[in-house]
N, C-alpha and C. Protein backbone atom coordinates (compact mmCIF):
# COMPACT_ATOMS: atom_id res chain seq x y z
N MET A 1 -135.29 60.54 75.35
CA MET A 1 -136.75 60.96 74.93
C MET A 1 -137.10 62.25 75.05
N ILE A 2 -136.87 62.82 76.27
CA ILE A 2 -137.11 64.17 76.60
C ILE A 2 -136.33 65.17 75.77
N CYS A 3 -135.18 64.89 75.22
CA CYS A 3 -134.40 65.83 74.28
C CYS A 3 -135.15 65.73 73.04
N LYS A 4 -135.76 64.76 72.52
CA LYS A 4 -136.39 64.62 71.37
C LYS A 4 -137.59 65.54 71.36
N TYR A 5 -138.35 65.49 72.45
CA TYR A 5 -139.52 66.42 72.65
C TYR A 5 -139.17 67.90 72.79
N PHE A 6 -138.12 68.22 73.39
CA PHE A 6 -137.50 69.52 73.33
C PHE A 6 -137.24 69.98 72.01
N VAL A 7 -136.59 69.12 71.14
CA VAL A 7 -136.30 69.45 69.73
C VAL A 7 -137.46 69.73 69.00
N PHE A 8 -138.69 68.77 69.36
CA PHE A 8 -140.06 69.18 68.62
C PHE A 8 -140.57 70.33 69.09
N PHE A 9 -140.48 70.80 70.43
CA PHE A 9 -140.78 71.97 70.87
C PHE A 9 -140.24 73.13 70.18
N ILE A 10 -138.94 73.16 70.00
CA ILE A 10 -138.21 74.13 69.35
C ILE A 10 -138.74 74.38 67.83
N ILE A 11 -138.80 73.24 67.22
CA ILE A 11 -139.13 73.21 65.82
C ILE A 11 -140.52 73.78 65.62
N TYR A 12 -141.57 73.28 66.52
CA TYR A 12 -142.97 73.88 66.46
C TYR A 12 -142.93 75.34 66.78
N SER A 13 -142.15 75.79 67.80
CA SER A 13 -142.27 77.26 68.09
C SER A 13 -141.62 78.05 67.01
N PHE A 14 -140.65 77.58 66.28
CA PHE A 14 -140.27 78.29 65.26
C PHE A 14 -141.19 78.28 64.04
N LEU A 15 -141.86 77.21 63.95
CA LEU A 15 -142.83 77.06 62.84
C LEU A 15 -143.91 78.06 63.09
N GLY A 16 -144.32 78.08 64.35
CA GLY A 16 -145.47 79.01 64.89
C GLY A 16 -145.04 80.44 64.64
N TRP A 17 -143.82 80.74 64.85
CA TRP A 17 -143.34 82.15 64.70
C TRP A 17 -143.51 82.33 63.15
N ILE A 18 -143.07 81.48 62.21
CA ILE A 18 -143.15 81.80 60.85
C ILE A 18 -144.74 82.08 60.49
N TYR A 19 -145.47 81.19 61.03
CA TYR A 19 -146.89 81.17 60.78
C TYR A 19 -147.50 82.68 61.28
N GLU A 20 -147.31 82.88 62.56
CA GLU A 20 -147.97 84.04 63.00
C GLU A 20 -147.28 85.36 62.53
N THR A 21 -146.14 85.41 62.26
CA THR A 21 -145.30 86.61 61.62
C THR A 21 -145.85 86.82 60.18
N SER A 22 -146.07 85.84 59.51
CA SER A 22 -146.36 85.86 58.11
C SER A 22 -147.75 86.53 58.07
N TYR A 23 -148.78 85.72 58.96
CA TYR A 23 -150.08 86.19 58.98
C TYR A 23 -150.27 87.66 59.41
N CYS A 24 -149.60 88.06 60.41
CA CYS A 24 -149.74 89.39 60.87
C CYS A 24 -149.17 90.42 59.83
N THR A 25 -147.95 90.09 59.26
CA THR A 25 -147.32 91.00 58.25
C THR A 25 -148.08 91.08 56.98
N ILE A 26 -148.84 90.02 56.69
CA ILE A 26 -149.64 89.98 55.53
C ILE A 26 -151.03 90.92 55.71
N HIS A 27 -151.70 90.64 56.90
CA HIS A 27 -152.85 91.20 57.34
C HIS A 27 -152.60 92.65 57.50
N GLU A 28 -151.54 93.12 58.31
CA GLU A 28 -151.39 94.46 58.50
C GLU A 28 -150.59 95.32 57.46
N LYS A 29 -149.81 94.46 56.49
CA LYS A 29 -149.13 95.22 55.29
C LYS A 29 -147.99 95.62 55.91
N VAL A 30 -147.31 95.34 57.08
CA VAL A 30 -146.04 95.89 57.59
C VAL A 30 -145.57 94.84 58.47
N TRP A 31 -144.08 94.73 58.44
CA TRP A 31 -143.45 93.67 59.01
C TRP A 31 -143.81 93.79 60.67
N ARG A 32 -144.18 92.50 61.12
CA ARG A 32 -144.66 92.31 62.50
C ARG A 32 -143.73 91.12 62.97
N ASN A 33 -142.75 91.26 63.78
CA ASN A 33 -142.04 90.19 64.44
C ASN A 33 -143.00 89.74 65.63
N ARG A 34 -143.53 88.64 65.65
CA ARG A 34 -144.43 88.29 66.85
C ARG A 34 -143.81 87.54 67.73
N GLY A 35 -144.24 87.46 69.01
CA GLY A 35 -143.73 86.63 69.94
C GLY A 35 -143.21 87.70 70.95
N PHE A 36 -142.75 87.07 72.11
CA PHE A 36 -142.40 87.88 73.36
C PHE A 36 -140.81 87.64 73.68
N LEU A 37 -140.33 86.62 72.88
CA LEU A 37 -138.81 86.26 73.28
C LEU A 37 -138.08 86.95 72.17
N TYR A 38 -136.67 87.01 72.53
CA TYR A 38 -135.83 87.21 71.46
C TYR A 38 -135.60 86.08 70.44
N GLY A 39 -135.72 86.27 69.27
CA GLY A 39 -135.41 85.17 68.26
C GLY A 39 -136.82 84.69 67.85
N PRO A 40 -136.55 83.93 66.67
CA PRO A 40 -137.99 83.39 66.04
C PRO A 40 -138.38 82.13 66.84
N CYS A 41 -139.12 82.60 67.66
CA CYS A 41 -139.67 81.40 68.56
C CYS A 41 -141.02 81.88 69.36
N ILE A 42 -142.07 81.12 69.22
CA ILE A 42 -143.27 81.49 70.05
C ILE A 42 -143.60 80.07 70.72
N PRO A 43 -143.33 79.93 71.93
CA PRO A 43 -143.42 78.95 72.76
C PRO A 43 -144.88 78.20 72.67
N LEU A 44 -145.90 79.07 72.72
CA LEU A 44 -147.27 78.57 72.71
C LEU A 44 -147.57 77.54 71.49
N TYR A 45 -147.02 77.82 70.51
CA TYR A 45 -147.16 76.90 69.33
C TYR A 45 -146.42 75.72 69.62
N GLY A 46 -145.09 75.83 70.12
CA GLY A 46 -144.38 74.56 70.50
C GLY A 46 -144.92 73.76 71.51
N ILE A 47 -145.67 74.36 72.50
CA ILE A 47 -146.29 73.47 73.45
C ILE A 47 -147.50 72.84 73.04
N GLY A 48 -148.21 73.66 72.21
CA GLY A 48 -149.55 73.17 71.65
C GLY A 48 -149.26 71.89 70.80
N ALA A 49 -148.47 72.23 69.82
CA ALA A 49 -148.16 71.10 68.75
C ALA A 49 -147.43 69.89 69.30
N THR A 50 -146.56 70.06 70.36
CA THR A 50 -145.75 68.91 70.92
C THR A 50 -146.90 68.27 71.81
N VAL A 51 -147.70 68.82 72.61
CA VAL A 51 -148.78 68.15 73.29
C VAL A 51 -149.75 67.30 72.27
N ALA A 52 -150.15 67.99 71.27
CA ALA A 52 -151.00 67.20 70.28
C ALA A 52 -150.19 65.94 69.77
N GLN A 53 -149.04 66.11 69.50
CA GLN A 53 -148.31 65.25 69.02
C GLN A 53 -148.17 63.99 70.05
N ILE A 54 -147.98 64.15 71.27
CA ILE A 54 -147.98 63.18 72.29
C ILE A 54 -149.25 62.60 72.41
N ILE A 55 -150.42 63.31 72.53
CA ILE A 55 -151.67 62.75 72.66
C ILE A 55 -152.11 61.88 71.47
N PHE A 56 -151.96 62.34 70.25
CA PHE A 56 -152.45 61.74 69.12
C PHE A 56 -151.51 60.71 68.43
N ILE A 57 -150.32 60.78 68.77
CA ILE A 57 -149.22 59.79 68.20
C ILE A 57 -148.43 58.88 69.32
N ASP A 58 -148.02 59.50 70.17
CA ASP A 58 -147.01 58.83 71.22
C ASP A 58 -147.67 57.93 72.22
N LEU A 59 -148.76 58.55 72.73
CA LEU A 59 -149.61 57.73 73.83
C LEU A 59 -150.08 56.36 73.32
N PRO A 60 -149.82 55.30 74.18
CA PRO A 60 -150.12 53.87 73.63
C PRO A 60 -151.67 53.74 73.81
N PHE A 61 -152.59 54.43 73.39
CA PHE A 61 -154.13 54.33 73.24
C PHE A 61 -154.45 54.33 71.86
N ASP A 62 -154.77 53.18 71.33
CA ASP A 62 -155.23 53.07 70.08
C ASP A 62 -156.49 54.05 69.53
N SER A 63 -157.37 54.48 70.58
CA SER A 63 -158.46 55.33 70.29
C SER A 63 -157.88 56.83 69.84
N PHE A 64 -156.70 57.09 70.52
CA PHE A 64 -156.13 58.34 70.15
C PHE A 64 -155.21 58.18 68.82
N ARG A 65 -154.59 57.26 68.63
CA ARG A 65 -153.59 56.98 67.67
C ARG A 65 -154.47 57.05 66.18
N ASP A 66 -155.63 56.35 66.32
CA ASP A 66 -156.25 56.45 65.00
C ASP A 66 -157.53 57.16 65.08
N ALA A 67 -157.39 58.46 65.86
CA ALA A 67 -158.36 59.38 65.98
C ALA A 67 -158.71 60.07 64.57
N PRO A 68 -160.22 60.13 64.30
CA PRO A 68 -160.56 60.53 62.99
C PRO A 68 -160.19 62.30 63.18
N TYR A 69 -160.16 62.93 61.87
CA TYR A 69 -159.88 64.43 61.79
C TYR A 69 -160.91 65.20 62.70
N TYR A 70 -162.15 64.74 62.82
CA TYR A 70 -163.05 65.76 63.66
C TYR A 70 -162.59 65.74 65.14
N GLU A 71 -162.13 64.63 65.62
CA GLU A 71 -161.74 64.47 66.89
C GLU A 71 -160.50 65.34 67.11
N ILE A 72 -159.58 65.16 66.29
CA ILE A 72 -158.28 65.84 66.49
C ILE A 72 -158.50 67.50 66.39
N PHE A 73 -159.46 67.65 65.39
CA PHE A 73 -160.00 69.02 65.32
C PHE A 73 -160.57 69.65 66.68
N LEU A 74 -161.59 68.99 67.04
CA LEU A 74 -162.07 69.39 68.52
C LEU A 74 -161.09 69.41 69.63
N VAL A 75 -160.22 68.45 69.76
CA VAL A 75 -159.34 68.45 70.75
C VAL A 75 -158.30 69.56 70.82
N CYS A 76 -157.81 69.69 69.55
CA CYS A 76 -156.76 70.82 69.26
C CYS A 76 -157.53 72.19 69.47
N SER A 77 -158.72 72.44 68.92
CA SER A 77 -159.38 73.73 69.12
C SER A 77 -159.55 73.91 70.51
N ILE A 78 -160.13 73.15 71.46
CA ILE A 78 -160.48 73.27 72.72
C ILE A 78 -159.15 73.34 73.55
N GLY A 79 -158.31 72.48 73.13
CA GLY A 79 -157.01 72.64 73.78
C GLY A 79 -156.31 74.01 73.64
N SER A 80 -156.41 74.56 72.47
CA SER A 80 -155.67 75.87 72.17
C SER A 80 -156.44 76.89 72.78
N LEU A 81 -157.86 76.79 73.12
CA LEU A 81 -158.56 77.72 73.81
C LEU A 81 -157.96 77.84 75.26
N VAL A 82 -157.78 76.67 75.95
CA VAL A 82 -157.38 76.72 77.25
C VAL A 82 -155.88 77.03 77.25
N LEU A 83 -155.13 76.57 76.49
CA LEU A 83 -153.59 76.94 76.42
C LEU A 83 -153.42 78.50 76.28
N GLU A 84 -154.05 79.09 75.28
CA GLU A 84 -154.11 80.48 74.97
C GLU A 84 -154.66 81.36 76.16
N TYR A 85 -155.67 81.02 76.62
CA TYR A 85 -156.47 81.52 77.76
C TYR A 85 -155.35 81.75 79.07
N VAL A 86 -154.94 80.46 79.28
CA VAL A 86 -154.02 80.37 80.62
C VAL A 86 -152.71 81.38 80.31
N THR A 87 -152.05 81.13 79.11
CA THR A 87 -150.93 81.74 78.85
C THR A 87 -151.09 83.36 78.83
N SER A 88 -152.30 83.83 78.19
CA SER A 88 -152.50 85.25 78.25
C SER A 88 -152.57 85.70 79.65
N TYR A 89 -153.38 84.98 80.41
CA TYR A 89 -153.61 85.33 81.82
C TYR A 89 -152.35 85.45 82.66
N TYR A 90 -151.41 84.52 82.68
CA TYR A 90 -150.12 84.56 83.13
C TYR A 90 -149.03 85.36 82.66
N LEU A 91 -149.03 85.67 81.33
CA LEU A 91 -148.24 86.73 80.79
C LEU A 91 -148.53 88.14 81.23
N GLU A 92 -149.99 88.21 81.31
CA GLU A 92 -150.44 89.68 81.87
C GLU A 92 -149.89 89.75 83.23
N LYS A 93 -150.20 88.75 84.14
CA LYS A 93 -149.67 89.00 85.57
C LYS A 93 -148.46 89.01 85.73
N LEU A 94 -147.60 88.34 84.97
CA LEU A 94 -146.08 88.38 85.20
C LEU A 94 -145.46 89.73 84.64
N PHE A 95 -145.80 90.01 83.60
CA PHE A 95 -145.23 91.17 82.60
C PHE A 95 -146.18 92.44 82.60
N HIS A 96 -147.30 92.45 83.13
CA HIS A 96 -148.16 93.58 83.20
C HIS A 96 -148.48 94.21 81.73
N ALA A 97 -148.39 93.27 80.87
CA ALA A 97 -148.75 93.52 79.27
C ALA A 97 -149.51 92.41 78.82
N ARG A 98 -150.32 92.97 77.65
CA ARG A 98 -150.96 91.83 76.76
C ARG A 98 -150.25 91.66 75.45
N TRP A 99 -150.14 90.58 75.15
CA TRP A 99 -149.39 90.23 73.98
C TRP A 99 -150.53 90.11 72.67
N TRP A 100 -151.68 89.81 73.16
CA TRP A 100 -152.93 89.78 72.19
C TRP A 100 -154.27 90.17 72.74
N ASP A 101 -155.09 90.64 71.95
CA ASP A 101 -156.31 91.07 72.58
C ASP A 101 -157.38 91.07 71.43
N TYR A 102 -158.27 90.09 71.92
CA TYR A 102 -159.45 89.86 70.97
C TYR A 102 -160.58 90.45 71.21
N SER A 103 -160.51 91.56 72.01
CA SER A 103 -161.80 92.36 72.43
C SER A 103 -162.93 92.62 71.34
N ASP A 104 -162.09 93.06 70.20
CA ASP A 104 -163.12 93.36 69.13
C ASP A 104 -163.54 92.23 68.23
N LYS A 105 -163.20 90.99 68.54
CA LYS A 105 -163.82 89.91 68.01
C LYS A 105 -164.90 89.25 68.50
N LEU A 106 -165.73 88.69 67.63
CA LEU A 106 -166.98 87.92 68.17
C LEU A 106 -166.73 86.81 68.93
N PHE A 107 -167.43 86.59 69.85
CA PHE A 107 -167.37 85.22 70.80
C PHE A 107 -165.98 85.17 71.45
N ASN A 108 -165.42 86.36 71.91
CA ASN A 108 -164.28 86.30 72.70
C ASN A 108 -164.60 86.23 74.25
N ILE A 109 -163.71 85.77 74.98
CA ILE A 109 -163.78 85.72 76.61
C ILE A 109 -162.54 86.56 77.13
N ASN A 110 -162.97 87.71 77.49
CA ASN A 110 -162.05 88.70 78.16
C ASN A 110 -160.96 89.04 77.15
N GLY A 111 -161.17 88.96 76.11
CA GLY A 111 -160.36 89.30 74.93
C GLY A 111 -159.11 88.44 74.87
N ARG A 112 -158.87 87.40 75.56
CA ARG A 112 -157.86 86.54 75.67
C ARG A 112 -158.10 85.36 74.45
N ILE A 113 -159.28 84.97 74.29
CA ILE A 113 -159.54 83.88 73.25
C ILE A 113 -160.71 84.40 72.51
N CYS A 114 -160.95 83.72 71.21
CA CYS A 114 -162.10 83.83 70.72
C CYS A 114 -162.17 82.81 69.52
N LEU A 115 -163.55 82.73 69.00
CA LEU A 115 -163.75 81.69 68.11
C LEU A 115 -163.04 82.00 66.78
N GLN A 116 -162.47 82.92 66.41
CA GLN A 116 -161.90 83.29 65.21
C GLN A 116 -160.50 82.58 65.21
N THR A 117 -159.88 82.45 66.42
CA THR A 117 -158.70 81.76 66.53
C THR A 117 -158.72 80.13 66.78
N MET A 118 -159.95 79.84 67.37
CA MET A 118 -160.09 78.53 67.69
C MET A 118 -160.04 77.39 66.68
N ILE A 119 -160.68 77.93 65.53
CA ILE A 119 -160.96 77.32 64.25
C ILE A 119 -159.70 76.98 63.71
N PRO A 120 -158.84 78.06 63.42
CA PRO A 120 -157.43 77.80 62.68
C PRO A 120 -156.69 76.91 63.38
N PHE A 121 -156.54 77.06 64.63
CA PHE A 121 -155.87 76.02 65.62
C PHE A 121 -156.26 74.67 65.64
N GLY A 122 -157.69 74.47 65.38
CA GLY A 122 -158.00 73.21 65.23
C GLY A 122 -157.52 72.40 63.87
N ILE A 123 -157.60 73.27 62.84
CA ILE A 123 -157.15 72.73 61.56
C ILE A 123 -155.60 72.73 61.60
N LEU A 124 -154.94 73.74 62.30
CA LEU A 124 -153.48 73.38 62.33
C LEU A 124 -153.13 72.09 63.04
N GLY A 125 -153.74 71.80 63.97
CA GLY A 125 -153.70 70.55 64.77
C GLY A 125 -153.75 69.31 63.98
N CYS A 126 -154.89 69.40 63.00
CA CYS A 126 -154.78 68.06 62.17
C CYS A 126 -153.68 68.14 61.04
N ILE A 127 -153.28 69.36 60.71
CA ILE A 127 -152.20 69.36 59.71
C ILE A 127 -150.72 68.82 60.52
N VAL A 128 -150.66 69.37 61.72
CA VAL A 128 -149.50 69.00 62.40
C VAL A 128 -149.45 67.42 62.55
N VAL A 129 -150.59 66.72 62.92
CA VAL A 129 -150.67 65.43 63.37
C VAL A 129 -150.59 64.53 61.96
N TYR A 130 -151.17 65.06 61.11
CA TYR A 130 -151.33 64.25 59.90
C TYR A 130 -150.09 64.54 58.78
N LEU A 131 -149.59 65.75 58.64
CA LEU A 131 -148.69 66.01 57.70
C LEU A 131 -147.22 66.53 58.25
N ILE A 132 -147.20 67.36 59.04
CA ILE A 132 -146.15 67.96 59.46
C ILE A 132 -145.16 66.97 60.37
N HIS A 133 -145.71 66.49 61.34
CA HIS A 133 -145.03 65.60 62.44
C HIS A 133 -144.36 64.41 61.78
N PRO A 134 -145.12 63.75 60.82
CA PRO A 134 -144.46 62.50 60.15
C PRO A 134 -143.22 62.99 59.62
N ILE A 135 -143.14 64.26 58.72
CA ILE A 135 -141.97 64.57 58.20
C ILE A 135 -140.81 64.94 59.05
N ILE A 136 -141.28 65.37 60.32
CA ILE A 136 -140.35 65.90 61.15
C ILE A 136 -139.67 64.70 61.97
N ILE A 137 -140.57 63.78 62.35
CA ILE A 137 -140.04 62.50 62.76
C ILE A 137 -139.06 61.68 61.95
N LYS A 138 -139.34 61.78 60.52
CA LYS A 138 -138.46 61.11 59.74
C LYS A 138 -136.96 61.79 59.52
N PHE A 139 -137.29 63.37 59.68
CA PHE A 139 -135.91 64.01 59.69
C PHE A 139 -135.09 63.75 60.86
N ILE A 140 -135.75 63.83 62.08
CA ILE A 140 -135.13 63.87 63.47
C ILE A 140 -134.62 62.29 63.50
N ASP A 141 -135.12 61.30 62.96
CA ASP A 141 -134.58 59.81 63.12
C ASP A 141 -133.57 59.68 62.31
N LEU A 142 -133.07 60.68 61.49
CA LEU A 142 -131.94 60.47 60.65
C LEU A 142 -130.75 60.72 61.41
N PHE A 143 -130.89 61.40 62.46
CA PHE A 143 -129.66 61.73 63.50
C PHE A 143 -129.50 60.63 64.50
N ASN A 144 -128.14 60.54 64.83
CA ASN A 144 -127.84 59.70 66.02
C ASN A 144 -128.42 60.20 67.26
N PRO A 145 -128.92 59.26 68.03
CA PRO A 145 -129.53 59.88 69.32
C PRO A 145 -128.68 60.83 70.40
N THR A 146 -127.45 60.46 70.34
CA THR A 146 -126.48 61.32 71.00
C THR A 146 -126.49 62.69 70.41
N LEU A 147 -126.45 62.84 69.03
CA LEU A 147 -126.52 64.03 68.47
C LEU A 147 -127.72 64.78 68.96
N ILE A 148 -128.89 64.19 68.89
CA ILE A 148 -130.10 64.81 69.36
C ILE A 148 -129.86 65.48 70.77
N ILE A 149 -129.25 64.77 71.61
CA ILE A 149 -129.09 65.23 72.98
C ILE A 149 -128.14 66.46 72.95
N ILE A 150 -127.17 66.49 72.12
CA ILE A 150 -126.16 67.73 71.96
C ILE A 150 -127.08 68.82 71.42
N ILE A 151 -127.82 68.47 70.34
CA ILE A 151 -128.53 69.55 69.66
C ILE A 151 -129.55 70.16 70.70
N SER A 152 -130.10 69.27 71.48
CA SER A 152 -131.25 69.82 72.52
C SER A 152 -130.46 70.70 73.66
N ILE A 153 -129.41 70.25 73.97
CA ILE A 153 -128.64 70.89 75.00
C ILE A 153 -128.27 72.44 74.45
N LEU A 154 -127.55 72.35 73.19
CA LEU A 154 -127.36 73.58 72.67
C LEU A 154 -128.48 74.71 72.44
N LEU A 155 -129.62 74.02 71.87
CA LEU A 155 -130.82 74.90 71.76
C LEU A 155 -131.26 75.54 73.02
N PHE A 156 -131.23 74.56 74.16
CA PHE A 156 -131.63 74.97 75.49
C PHE A 156 -130.63 76.18 76.14
N ILE A 157 -129.63 75.96 75.79
CA ILE A 157 -128.51 77.03 76.08
C ILE A 157 -128.73 78.32 75.16
N ILE A 158 -129.10 78.35 74.09
CA ILE A 158 -129.29 79.50 73.27
C ILE A 158 -130.63 80.06 73.55
């Protein structure tokens, strides 16, 4: 089961890289390869989407499993604020650099988070839970569990 979650994490990290790189490239009209790792991967998206999937799909609580859109939106919005703030703080402490700065945005907290990003992350949480994750699960379930283990080990090594 952990191997499956790792594969989900990698898929969502890649999709997050596509989303953020596309957004920044279109917005700035010049190629922007986002993220701090080598390769097309932004772990913040992988963590956020995988945790949302665990909370709203995998946990055995009916109240989460059948959550209405507004609850998923609120949990993902607030969860993204916490995840983004903590990640920003620790990346800055570890690497003495800031990967993003929202100081020029309204309703920001220390330039680490802002309302302008909270809303899209809430919407993305709903899209992941209701649209993207069911497709990914169907795709992953096509593979033999042993192959998933091998794929997750290879992805971990890479």
